[in-house]
Protein backbone atom coordinates (compact mmCIF):
# COMPACT_ATOMS: atom_id res chain seq x y z
CA MET A 1 76.57 144.45 79.02
CA ASP A 2 76.92 148.23 78.98
CA LYS A 3 77.71 150.10 75.77
CA PRO A 4 81.53 149.98 75.86
CA LEU A 5 81.67 146.25 76.47
CA ALA A 6 79.37 145.60 73.56
CA ARG A 7 81.40 147.88 71.34
CA ASN A 8 85.04 147.32 72.26
CA LYS A 9 87.16 144.18 72.48
CA THR A 10 84.08 142.01 72.79
CA GLY A 11 86.03 138.80 72.32
CA ARG A 12 88.25 139.22 75.36
CA VAL A 13 85.52 140.65 77.57
CA ALA A 14 83.04 137.97 76.57
CA ARG A 15 85.60 135.29 77.38
CA LEU A 16 86.02 136.72 80.86
CA LEU A 17 82.39 137.51 81.59
CA ASN A 18 80.78 134.41 80.11
CA ARG A 19 82.36 132.23 82.77
CA LEU A 20 80.92 134.34 85.60
CA PRO A 21 77.98 133.33 87.80
CA PRO A 22 74.46 134.39 86.74
CA ALA A 23 72.96 137.69 87.79
CA PRO A 24 71.78 137.94 91.40
CA ALA A 25 68.09 137.96 90.53
CA SER A 26 68.29 134.74 88.53
CA THR A 27 70.44 133.13 91.20
CA LEU A 28 67.88 133.89 93.90
CA ALA A 29 64.99 132.76 91.73
CA ALA A 30 66.68 129.45 90.90
CA CYS A 31 67.53 128.91 94.55
CA ALA A 32 63.96 129.65 95.60
CA CYS A 33 62.52 127.20 93.09
CA ALA A 34 64.93 124.47 94.17
CA LEU A 35 64.15 125.01 97.83
CA LEU A 36 60.40 125.10 97.38
CA ALA A 37 60.48 121.96 95.25
CA GLN A 38 62.17 119.81 97.87
CA THR A 39 60.23 116.74 98.85
CA VAL A 40 62.48 115.76 101.77
CA VAL A 41 61.27 117.13 105.09
CA ALA A 42 64.17 119.13 106.52
CA ALA A 43 64.76 119.52 110.23
CA THR A 44 65.12 122.80 112.12
CA HIS A 45 67.48 122.83 115.11
CA PHE A 46 66.93 125.61 117.65
CA THR A 47 70.04 126.46 119.67
CA ASP A 48 71.04 128.86 122.44
CA SER A 49 74.35 127.62 123.87
CA GLU A 50 77.82 126.46 122.85
CA ALA A 51 76.88 122.83 123.37
CA SER A 52 73.56 123.00 121.53
CA ILE A 53 75.18 124.77 118.55
CA ALA A 54 77.99 122.19 118.38
CA ASN A 55 75.50 119.32 118.63
CA ALA A 56 73.30 120.80 115.90
CA ILE A 57 76.27 121.30 113.58
CA SER A 58 77.27 117.68 114.13
CA ALA A 59 73.73 116.36 113.55
CA ALA A 60 72.67 118.54 110.60
CA VAL A 61 72.15 116.88 107.22
CA PRO A 62 71.51 118.48 103.81
CA GLY A 63 68.42 120.67 103.90
CA ASP A 64 68.51 121.25 107.66
CA THR A 65 68.44 124.69 109.29
CA ILE A 66 70.19 125.63 112.53
CA VAL A 67 68.65 128.67 114.21
CA VAL A 68 70.60 130.50 116.91
CA LYS A 69 68.42 132.34 119.43
CA ASP A 70 69.00 136.09 119.58
CA GLY A 71 71.52 137.13 122.19
CA VAL A 72 75.25 137.69 122.84
CA TYR A 73 77.61 134.71 122.65
CA THR A 74 81.27 134.78 123.68
CA PHE A 75 82.43 131.36 122.43
CA PRO A 76 83.84 130.60 118.94
CA VAL A 77 82.11 128.36 116.37
CA ARG A 78 83.49 125.75 113.98
CA ILE A 79 81.44 124.48 111.01
CA ASN A 80 82.87 120.97 110.68
CA GLY A 81 79.87 118.68 110.35
CA ARG A 82 78.54 117.30 107.07
CA ASP A 83 78.56 118.98 103.67
CA GLY A 84 75.31 120.24 102.28
CA THR A 85 74.44 119.82 98.62
CA ALA A 86 73.73 122.28 95.82
CA ALA A 87 70.01 121.46 95.97
CA SER A 88 69.88 121.18 99.78
CA PRO A 89 72.40 123.37 101.57
CA ILE A 90 72.64 123.41 105.35
CA THR A 91 71.67 126.78 106.82
CA PHE A 92 73.21 128.28 109.98
CA LYS A 93 71.32 131.46 110.78
CA ALA A 94 70.48 134.01 113.41
CA GLN A 95 66.92 134.11 114.72
CA THR A 96 66.72 137.64 113.33
CA VAL A 97 69.22 139.46 111.15
CA GLY A 98 71.64 141.23 113.47
CA GLY A 99 70.01 139.72 116.56
CA VAL A 100 72.88 137.33 117.36
CA THR A 101 76.23 138.84 118.35
CA PHE A 102 79.46 136.87 118.62
CA THR A 103 82.24 138.55 120.53
CA GLY A 104 85.37 137.75 122.52
CA PRO A 105 87.60 134.61 122.43
CA GLN A 106 88.58 132.68 119.31
CA LEU A 107 89.51 129.14 118.25
CA SER A 108 93.11 127.91 118.49
CA ASP A 109 93.94 129.48 115.12
CA ARG A 110 92.60 132.83 116.43
CA THR A 111 89.41 132.55 114.37
CA LYS A 112 85.94 133.38 115.72
CA LEU A 113 83.92 131.48 113.08
CA ARG A 114 85.59 128.89 110.87
CA VAL A 115 83.70 127.35 107.94
CA GLU A 116 85.23 124.04 106.80
CA ARG A 117 82.42 122.44 104.83
CA ASP A 118 80.73 122.91 101.44
CA HIS A 119 77.22 124.09 100.61
CA TRP A 120 76.40 125.94 103.82
CA VAL A 121 74.48 129.20 104.17
CA ILE A 122 75.72 131.44 107.00
CA ASP A 123 73.11 134.13 107.59
CA GLY A 124 72.43 137.11 109.82
CA PHE A 125 75.19 137.16 112.44
CA ARG A 126 76.92 140.16 113.97
CA PHE A 127 80.57 140.06 115.08
CA THR A 128 82.15 142.79 117.17
CA ASP A 129 85.04 143.26 119.59
CA VAL A 130 86.89 140.17 118.35
CA THR A 131 90.42 141.29 119.10
CA ALA A 132 94.07 140.48 119.76
CA ASP A 133 96.79 142.72 121.16
CA GLY A 134 98.98 142.87 118.03
CA THR A 135 102.28 143.90 119.63
CA GLN A 136 103.91 140.53 118.84
CA SER A 137 104.37 138.91 115.44
CA SER A 138 102.29 135.95 116.58
CA ASP A 139 99.38 138.18 117.64
CA ARG A 140 96.75 137.88 114.96
CA VAL A 141 93.01 137.46 114.70
CA THR A 142 90.57 136.47 111.95
CA VAL A 143 86.88 137.00 112.60
CA VAL A 144 85.50 134.67 109.91
CA ARG A 145 87.61 132.17 107.97
CA VAL A 146 86.41 130.02 105.07
CA ARG A 147 89.01 127.28 104.77
CA GLU A 148 88.97 124.40 102.27
CA ALA A 149 85.28 125.12 101.86
CA SER A 150 83.42 125.83 98.61
CA ASP A 151 79.97 126.72 97.31
CA ASN A 152 78.93 128.48 100.50
CA VAL A 153 76.85 131.64 100.92
CA LEU A 154 77.76 134.20 103.59
CA ARG A 155 74.83 136.59 103.86
CA ASN A 156 73.70 139.44 106.11
CA LEU A 157 76.86 139.41 108.22
CA SER A 158 78.05 142.45 110.14
CA ILE A 159 81.71 142.58 111.21
CA SER A 160 82.86 145.70 113.02
CA ASP A 161 85.27 147.16 115.56
CA SER A 162 87.49 144.10 115.64
CA GLY A 163 91.15 143.35 114.94
CA LEU A 164 94.27 144.47 116.76
CA THR A 165 94.05 146.73 119.78
CA SER A 166 97.64 148.04 119.74
CA SER A 167 98.07 151.59 118.44
CA ASN A 168 101.33 150.44 116.82
CA PRO A 169 100.82 146.79 115.85
CA ASP A 170 103.56 144.50 114.59
CA SER A 171 103.49 144.54 110.76
CA ASN A 172 103.38 140.74 110.50
CA ALA A 173 100.45 140.60 112.90
CA ALA A 174 98.61 143.27 110.92
CA ASN A 175 99.25 141.55 107.58
CA ASN A 176 97.83 138.31 108.95
CA SER A 177 94.78 139.68 110.74
CA MET A 178 91.50 140.29 108.95
CA TYR A 179 87.73 140.38 109.20
CA LEU A 180 87.14 137.71 106.53
CA ASP A 181 89.61 135.25 105.03
CA ILE A 182 88.69 132.95 102.11
CA THR A 183 91.60 130.59 101.73
CA ASP A 184 93.00 127.11 101.02
CA ARG A 185 91.11 125.97 97.91
CA SER A 186 87.86 127.72 98.82
CA ALA A 187 86.02 128.32 95.54
CA ARG A 188 82.67 129.57 94.28
CA ASN A 189 81.63 131.14 97.57
CA VAL A 190 79.25 134.10 97.60
CA VAL A 191 79.54 136.94 100.10
CA GLU A 192 76.47 139.16 99.90
CA ARG A 193 74.43 141.73 101.83
CA SER A 194 77.17 142.04 104.48
CA GLU A 195 79.06 144.95 106.02
CA PHE A 196 82.66 145.50 107.11
CA LEU A 197 83.08 148.49 109.41
CA ASN A 198 85.75 150.33 111.40
CA ASN A 199 88.90 148.29 110.87
CA ASN A 200 91.91 150.58 111.37
CA ASP A 201 94.81 148.22 111.87
CA ALA A 202 94.49 145.08 109.70
CA ILE A 203 93.29 143.76 106.34
CA VAL A 204 89.51 143.76 106.04
CA VAL A 205 88.83 140.97 103.50
CA ARG A 206 91.38 138.67 101.85
CA VAL A 207 90.87 136.05 99.16
CA ALA A 208 93.61 133.40 98.89
CA GLY A 209 97.01 133.12 100.47
CA GLY A 210 99.59 133.96 97.81
CA SER A 211 101.52 131.55 95.60
CA THR A 212 100.72 128.54 97.81
CA ASP A 213 96.96 128.96 97.37
CA LEU A 214 96.10 129.26 93.68
CA PHE A 215 92.71 127.57 93.75
CA SER A 216 90.49 129.88 95.80
CA THR A 217 88.79 130.94 92.59
CA ASP A 218 85.44 132.13 91.25
CA ASN A 219 84.27 133.76 94.48
CA VAL A 220 81.65 136.53 94.32
CA PHE A 221 81.12 139.68 96.40
CA ARG A 222 77.85 141.57 95.87
CA TYR A 223 75.67 144.11 97.68
CA ASN A 224 78.18 144.55 100.51
CA TYR A 225 79.10 147.72 102.42
CA TRP A 226 82.59 148.86 103.44
CA SER A 227 82.92 151.97 105.63
CA GLY A 228 85.11 153.50 108.32
CA ASN A 229 88.19 151.42 107.47
CA ALA A 230 91.79 152.68 107.30
CA GLY A 231 95.36 151.45 107.34
CA TYR A 232 95.25 148.27 105.24
CA GLU A 233 93.39 146.93 102.19
CA THR A 234 89.63 146.66 102.48
CA LEU A 235 89.72 143.90 99.84
CA GLN A 236 92.89 142.02 98.92
CA LEU A 237 92.69 139.52 96.08
CA SER A 238 95.73 137.41 96.91
CA TRP A 239 99.25 138.58 97.63
CA GLY A 240 102.88 137.78 96.85
CA SER A 241 103.81 135.99 93.63
CA SER A 242 100.32 134.92 92.52
CA ALA A 243 99.80 137.63 89.90
CA GLY A 244 99.66 135.20 87.00
CA ALA A 245 97.03 132.99 88.61
CA ALA A 246 93.46 133.41 87.32
CA PHE A 247 91.29 133.90 90.42
CA ARG A 248 88.24 135.18 88.52
CA THR A 249 86.81 136.98 91.56
CA VAL A 250 83.66 138.97 90.76
CA VAL A 251 83.06 142.18 92.74
CA GLU A 252 79.74 143.77 91.77
CA HIS A 253 77.09 146.12 93.17
CA ASN A 254 79.05 146.94 96.35
CA LEU A 255 79.42 150.29 98.12
CA TRP A 256 82.64 151.68 99.55
CA GLU A 257 81.97 154.86 101.50
CA ASP A 258 84.06 157.08 103.80
CA ASN A 259 87.14 154.87 104.03
CA ALA A 260 90.39 156.63 104.92
CA SER A 261 93.85 156.22 103.44
CA SER A 262 95.12 152.65 103.40
CA SER A 263 97.89 150.79 101.63
CA GLU A 264 95.34 150.35 98.80
CA LEU A 265 91.56 150.46 99.05
CA ILE A 266 91.30 147.37 96.83
CA SER A 267 94.43 145.45 95.89
CA SER A 268 94.04 143.01 93.01
CA LYS A 269 97.18 140.86 92.87
CA SER A 270 95.81 138.08 90.68
CA SER A 271 94.35 137.77 87.18
CA GLU A 272 90.92 137.83 85.52
CA ASN A 273 89.16 139.62 88.36
CA VAL A 274 86.08 141.70 87.52
CA PHE A 275 84.93 144.92 89.23
CA ARG A 276 81.63 146.19 87.89
CA HIS A 277 78.67 148.33 88.94
CA ASN A 278 80.21 149.31 92.27
CA THR A 279 80.00 152.73 93.91
CA PHE A 280 83.03 154.32 95.56
CA GLU A 281 82.08 157.48 97.43
CA HIS A 282 84.40 159.74 99.43
CA ASN A 283 87.26 157.26 99.86
CA ASN A 284 90.84 158.42 100.30
CA ASP A 285 92.38 155.57 98.30
CA GLN A 286 92.18 153.70 95.01
CA LEU A 287 91.08 150.54 93.31
CA VAL A 288 94.47 149.13 92.28
CA LEU A 289 95.22 146.46 89.67
CA ARG A 290 98.52 145.89 91.42
CA GLY A 291 99.56 142.59 89.86
CA GLY A 292 98.04 140.24 87.32
CA ASN A 293 96.44 140.58 83.91
CA ASP A 294 93.04 140.54 82.19
CA GLY A 295 91.33 142.67 84.83
CA VAL A 296 87.95 144.24 84.07
CA VAL A 297 86.96 147.57 85.68
CA ASP A 298 83.62 148.48 84.13
CA SER A 299 80.69 150.78 84.92
CA ASN A 300 81.74 151.84 88.41
CA TYR A 301 81.13 155.18 90.11
CA PHE A 302 84.04 157.05 91.75
CA ILE A 303 82.60 160.10 93.50
CA ASP A 304 84.56 162.68 95.55
CA GLY A 305 87.42 160.28 96.11
CA ARG A 306 90.40 158.71 94.40
CA GLY A 307 90.31 156.58 91.30
CA VAL A 308 91.96 153.62 89.58
CA ARG A 309 95.66 152.74 89.40
CA ALA A 310 96.74 149.93 87.10
CA TYR A 311 99.76 147.83 86.15
CA GLY A 312 99.97 144.75 83.93
CA ALA A 313 98.55 143.52 80.63
CA ASP A 314 95.25 143.06 78.84
CA HIS A 315 93.08 145.09 81.19
CA THR A 316 89.70 146.56 80.24
CA ILE A 317 88.90 149.87 81.98
CA THR A 318 85.64 151.03 80.46
CA ASN A 319 82.51 153.08 81.08
CA ASN A 320 83.50 154.29 84.56
CA TYR A 321 82.22 157.59 85.93
CA PHE A 322 84.59 159.74 87.99
CA GLU A 323 83.47 163.06 89.45
CA GLY A 324 84.97 165.20 92.20
CA SER A 325 88.05 164.88 94.35
CA TYR A 326 88.73 163.77 97.92
CA GLY A 327 91.12 166.65 98.47
CA THR A 328 94.83 167.42 98.35
CA GLU A 329 96.81 164.82 96.40
CA SER A 330 99.90 163.14 97.83
CA GLY A 331 101.90 160.07 96.80
CA ASN A 332 99.60 157.51 95.21
CA LEU A 333 96.50 159.30 96.49
CA ARG A 334 95.31 160.88 93.27
CA GLY A 335 92.07 160.93 91.37
CA GLY A 336 91.13 159.76 87.90
CA ILE A 337 93.01 156.96 86.15
CA LEU A 338 96.72 156.32 86.74
CA LEU A 339 98.46 153.96 84.32
CA GLY A 340 101.77 152.69 85.60
CA ALA A 341 105.18 152.35 84.01
CA GLY A 342 107.32 149.30 84.77
CA ASP A 343 110.78 147.81 84.65
CA HIS A 344 112.26 145.03 82.51
CA ASP A 345 111.55 142.30 85.06
CA ASP A 346 107.94 143.38 85.67
CA ALA A 347 108.97 143.66 89.32
CA PRO A 348 107.87 145.33 91.41
CA TYR A 349 105.60 146.79 88.71
CA ALA A 350 104.64 145.81 85.17
CA ALA A 351 103.93 148.53 82.63
CA VAL A 352 100.32 148.74 81.43
CA ARG A 353 100.19 147.18 77.97
CA ASN A 354 97.71 145.83 75.44
CA SER A 355 94.86 147.29 77.48
CA GLU A 356 91.73 149.24 76.66
CA VAL A 357 90.78 152.51 78.35
CA SER A 358 87.56 153.72 76.79
CA ASN A 359 84.30 155.56 77.41
CA ASN A 360 85.29 156.80 80.85
CA SER A 361 84.04 160.16 82.17
CA ILE A 362 86.68 161.89 84.31
CA ILE A 363 85.28 165.16 85.61
CA ASN A 364 87.12 167.57 87.92
CA THR A 365 88.97 164.88 89.85
CA GLY A 366 91.61 167.29 91.16
CA ALA A 367 95.10 167.87 89.83
CA TYR A 368 95.10 164.51 88.02
CA SER A 369 92.66 163.13 85.47
CA LEU A 370 94.42 160.65 83.20
CA LEU A 371 98.01 160.15 84.35
CA TYR A 372 100.03 158.19 81.83
CA GLY A 373 103.34 156.51 82.74
CA TYR A 374 103.02 156.79 86.50
CA PHE A 375 106.47 156.43 88.13
CA TYR A 376 108.25 156.59 84.75
CA ASN A 377 112.00 157.29 85.08
CA ALA A 378 111.83 156.92 88.86
CA THR A 379 113.81 154.44 90.95
CA TRP A 380 112.18 151.92 93.24
CA ASN A 381 114.39 149.86 95.55
CA GLY A 382 117.28 150.31 93.14
CA ASP A 383 115.25 149.39 90.02
CA LEU A 384 114.80 151.98 87.26
CA ILE A 385 111.16 152.18 86.16
CA ASP A 386 111.86 152.95 82.49
CA ILE A 387 109.19 151.12 80.43
CA PRO A 388 106.18 153.34 79.67
CA PRO A 389 102.72 151.98 78.95
CA TYR A 390 102.58 150.59 75.43
CA ASP A 391 100.22 149.04 72.84
CA ASN A 392 97.14 150.40 74.60
CA GLU A 393 93.90 151.75 73.11
CA PHE A 394 92.48 155.04 74.42
CA SER A 395 89.08 155.79 72.90
CA ASP A 396 86.00 157.92 73.53
CA ASN A 397 87.03 159.15 76.97
CA LEU A 398 85.61 162.44 78.27
CA ILE A 399 87.94 164.48 80.50
CA VAL A 400 86.90 167.78 82.09
CA ASN A 401 89.49 169.45 84.33
CA SER A 402 89.72 172.77 86.16
CA ARG A 403 93.17 171.96 87.59
CA GLY A 404 96.29 170.18 86.35
CA LYS A 405 96.52 168.49 82.96
CA ALA A 406 93.72 166.53 81.36
CA ILE A 407 96.25 163.98 80.08
CA ASP A 408 99.54 164.06 81.97
CA ARG A 409 102.60 162.14 80.75
CA GLN A 410 104.71 161.77 83.86
CA ASN A 411 108.30 162.77 83.12
CA ASN A 412 107.35 162.89 79.43
CA ALA A 413 106.83 159.13 79.26
CA PRO A 414 107.01 158.14 75.56
CA ASP A 415 103.76 157.54 73.72
CA ALA A 416 104.78 155.76 70.54
CA SER A 417 102.74 152.55 70.24
CA ASN A 418 99.41 153.53 71.81
CA THR A 419 96.34 154.44 69.77
CA TRP A 420 94.04 157.39 70.50
CA SER A 421 90.61 158.00 68.97
CA GLY A 422 87.44 159.90 69.84
CA ASN A 423 88.75 161.34 73.13
CA TYR A 424 87.47 164.73 74.26
CA THR A 425 89.02 167.11 76.81
CA TRP A 426 87.69 170.41 78.14
CA SER A 427 89.91 172.49 80.43
CA THR A 428 88.78 175.46 82.49
CA GLY A 429 90.23 177.53 85.33
CA SER A 430 93.88 176.62 85.87
CA GLY A 431 93.51 173.35 83.98
CA SER A 432 95.19 172.61 80.66
CA PRO A 433 94.82 169.86 78.03
CA GLY A 434 98.34 168.49 78.54
CA HIS A 435 99.22 165.67 76.15
CA ALA A 436 97.03 165.91 73.04
CA PRO A 437 97.97 163.46 70.28
CA ASP A 438 95.78 162.88 67.23
CA GLY A 439 92.56 161.37 68.50
CA VAL A 440 92.15 163.88 71.34
CA THR A 441 89.88 166.90 70.77
CA THR A 442 90.68 169.95 72.93
CA GLY A 443 89.20 173.41 73.41
CA ALA A 444 85.60 172.70 72.39
CA ASP A 445 82.87 173.03 75.01
CA PRO A 446 81.24 169.59 75.44
CA GLN A 447 78.01 171.25 76.70
CA LEU A 448 77.61 169.16 79.81
CA GLU A 449 74.16 168.32 81.13
CA ARG A 450 72.94 166.06 83.93
CA ASP A 451 71.11 162.94 82.77
CA SER A 452 68.26 161.25 84.62
CA LEU A 453 70.74 159.43 86.89
CA GLY A 454 72.42 162.70 87.87
CA ASN A 455 75.56 162.12 85.81
CA LEU A 456 77.19 164.73 83.58
CA VAL A 457 77.11 163.81 79.89
CA ALA A 458 78.54 165.67 76.89
CA THR A 459 75.66 166.64 74.64
CA ALA A 460 78.11 168.03 72.08
CA ALA A 461 80.15 164.79 72.06
CA PRO A 462 77.57 162.05 72.64
CA ASP A 463 79.96 159.19 71.90
CA ALA A 464 82.48 160.30 74.53
CA GLY A 465 82.30 159.36 78.17
CA ALA A 466 80.36 156.86 80.24
CA ARG A 467 76.70 155.95 79.83
CA MET A 468 75.71 154.35 83.11
CA ARG A 469 72.90 151.83 83.24
CA TYR A 470 72.42 151.83 87.02
CA ARG A 471 72.21 154.62 89.56
CA ARG A 472 74.71 155.13 92.35
CA LEU A 473 74.25 152.82 95.29
CA THR A 474 73.34 154.12 98.75
CA ALA A 475 73.82 152.55 102.17
CA ASP A 476 70.18 151.40 102.13
CA ASP A 477 70.78 149.34 98.98
CA VAL A 478 73.50 147.14 100.45
CA GLY A 479 74.54 145.38 103.64
CA PRO A 480 72.50 143.32 106.14
CA GLY A 481 68.75 143.39 105.63
CA SER A 482 68.93 145.03 102.21
CA THR A 483 66.80 143.76 99.33
CA PHE A 484 67.60 146.06 96.39
CA VAL A 485 68.50 144.22 93.17
CA ALA A 486 70.00 146.16 90.26
CA GLY A 487 68.89 145.03 86.84
CA LEU A 488 65.44 143.76 87.77
CA ALA A 489 63.68 143.37 84.41
CA GLY A 490 61.43 146.34 83.71
CA ASP A 491 62.48 148.25 86.84
CA TYR A 492 63.45 151.42 84.97
CA ASP A 493 63.24 153.79 87.94
CA GLN A 494 65.40 151.35 89.96
CA ASP A 495 63.24 151.30 93.08
CA GLY A 496 63.29 147.49 93.36
CA GLN A 497 59.83 146.80 91.91
CA VAL A 498 58.05 146.85 88.56
CA SER A 499 55.17 149.32 88.47
CA GLN A 500 53.44 152.03 86.45
CA SER A 501 56.21 154.49 87.30
CA ASP A 502 58.62 152.39 85.23
CA TRP A 503 56.40 152.85 82.18
CA LEU A 504 56.53 156.62 82.75
CA ARG A 505 60.33 156.42 83.01
CA TRP A 506 60.53 154.47 79.73
CA GLN A 507 58.25 157.03 78.08
CA SER A 508 60.42 159.96 79.22
CA LEU A 509 63.62 158.30 77.96
CA TYR A 510 62.20 157.01 74.66
CA ARG A 511 64.71 157.41 71.82
CA SER A 512 67.28 158.98 74.16
CA GLN A 513 70.87 157.84 74.63
CA GLU A 514 70.39 157.00 78.28
CA LEU A 515 70.50 153.33 79.22
CA ALA A 516 68.41 153.29 82.41
CA ALA A 517 65.38 152.07 80.43
CA ASP A 518 67.28 149.78 78.03
CA GLY A 519 65.51 146.61 79.09
CA ASN A 520 66.87 144.34 76.35
CA PHE A 521 70.44 145.69 76.52
CA ASP A 522 70.69 146.61 72.83
CA GLY A 523 71.93 150.17 73.46
CA GLU A 524 68.66 151.83 72.39
CA ILE A 525 65.48 152.94 74.14
CA ASN A 526 62.62 151.79 71.92
CA ALA A 527 59.41 149.77 71.77
CA ALA A 528 61.24 146.56 72.62
CA ASP A 529 62.01 147.97 76.06
CA TYR A 530 58.33 148.69 76.62
CA THR A 531 57.70 144.99 75.91
CA VAL A 532 60.27 144.03 78.54
CA TRP A 533 58.45 146.19 81.10
CA ARG A 534 55.00 144.91 80.10
CA ASP A 535 56.04 141.26 80.28
CA ALA A 536 57.75 141.77 83.64
CA GLN A 537 54.70 143.46 85.12
CA GLN A 538 52.35 140.78 83.82
CA ALA A 539 54.63 138.01 85.09
CA ALA A 540 54.79 139.59 88.53
CA ALA A 541 51.00 139.91 88.70
CA ALA A 542 50.41 136.33 87.47
CA SER A 543 52.97 134.60 89.64
CA VAL A 544 52.01 135.67 93.16
CA PRO A 545 52.33 132.37 95.13
CA GLU A 546 50.41 131.22 98.15
CA ALA A 547 51.27 133.12 101.31
CA SER A 548 52.82 130.03 102.90
CA ALA A 549 55.19 129.59 99.95
CA VAL A 550 56.24 133.22 100.13
CA ALA A 551 56.95 132.88 103.83
CA LEU A 552 59.02 129.74 103.33
CA ALA A 553 61.10 131.21 100.50
CA ALA A 554 61.70 134.43 102.37
CA SER A 555 62.72 132.57 105.52
CA VAL A 556 65.18 130.29 103.79
CA LEU A 557 66.66 132.82 101.40
CA THR A 558 66.99 135.94 103.50
CA GLY A 559 66.16 135.03 107.06
CA HIS A 560 63.71 136.96 109.16
CA VAL A 561 64.91 140.50 108.37
CA ALA A 562 64.54 142.74 111.40
CA ALA A 563 62.97 146.03 110.43
CA VAL A 564 64.93 147.86 113.08
CA TYR A 565 68.30 146.62 111.84
CA ARG A 566 68.78 149.26 109.18
CA ALA A 567 68.04 151.98 111.72
CA ARG A 568 70.80 150.69 113.99
CA ARG A 569 73.48 151.18 111.33
């Protein structure tokens, strides 16, 4: 893990992270080996009509592949045949990534694609113009629904320009319409390399259906792209009275870019969810730990946008890098880190307590950097919000502000039981330090410099602030057809391959405090990291398989990736 997780509250973080799925690279490698080792001859079903697709779904057995010919299809699809197995999933894929478009009418539950079986791989499809009117409460539409279905992979999907067509939709219709719904005891599904675009009137992705669905757990989102969305949550991790339920959703290596104001960019209303190594760029809303406990927000980028707002207990907010502001602040739309106050019933909000906020870099995020006691002494629906955050640890954060207060106690929220150590603030322009208890250094120039990843670090306070291991993600790294994998052993320049340039990168960072070339994750750049690079390069050179094996693995794992697809985005 990154430096703060190795250094702070390792017991709690390890408990949360040790139960998570393996890293993407190892997952793909294990899958490839299992697929290539199969001795059963699997069948491939080629389809090009509603009847042929339905027949193939009914006939498919574990290990089979159903290929849909490129084209535009207006009918809905229901995956209700046999289950696959862990070793031999059933694959339902487009002939080429992005080459098959589903549009128009839905099933009786207003769903375009419904997945009802386990161990399927859904790969390469495009969905657009899947709509409902939205003026009535009963008007709703879901593009893809995973229902009572577990251990599936949804890969290389593109969902765009769908939802409700009304300019003023009924609120119930909007709250029950979405691009992707994972619900009704659907666990351990992986959504990867997909994109969710241009949804302005409904929820984009929802996991679980409130207090009646507490078992849609351990799902993973990685290398996905969200852009052009507004109005409702782009990712909602349950809703209603499910805050105490441990959903353990993992959200990693995703990119949110150019999303407008919504009710919340991400709304986590369940417990033990993990957000790590994501990039949020130019979004006019926040990642919100709205309800639930034991959330992890670690090693994310927040660039020219809003930040993190949190309520609840036992959270870990560490090693995040915030720089720049979206623009004028209003209501909840503020940058940096906002830690909420609560009331005595923890409803509607629970005060942040027993949480760790450490090693974050918060640099010129507008009028707000670290806002403590958000909503303190205010009234919400008749309830007085009068419990400030308490029993929290604030350590080794770096705050640089040219406006507002570096640490702002809203309405002088009391700070009696929190601990502060190693924090560093530097205020310029119209900015001021604000709250400065013992453990907060003010007025000393941190001597900021850009590191090799382009991030500002404090050379005069090397223990303060974030030390990012991975670079910021771009649109080419994520979504359909992408292949970039963060954390590839020995890939120190993060270009997706191990080569001589990685040795040069290790050499330039030797004995530095940067982590981009920390191959063995011990927090130091030394000879051991050279060994990681050398072994990775030798393994890559020695393990080039026969061309036929490469073709088979690539076909099964990623589909036939169309080179023109990325250009169409």
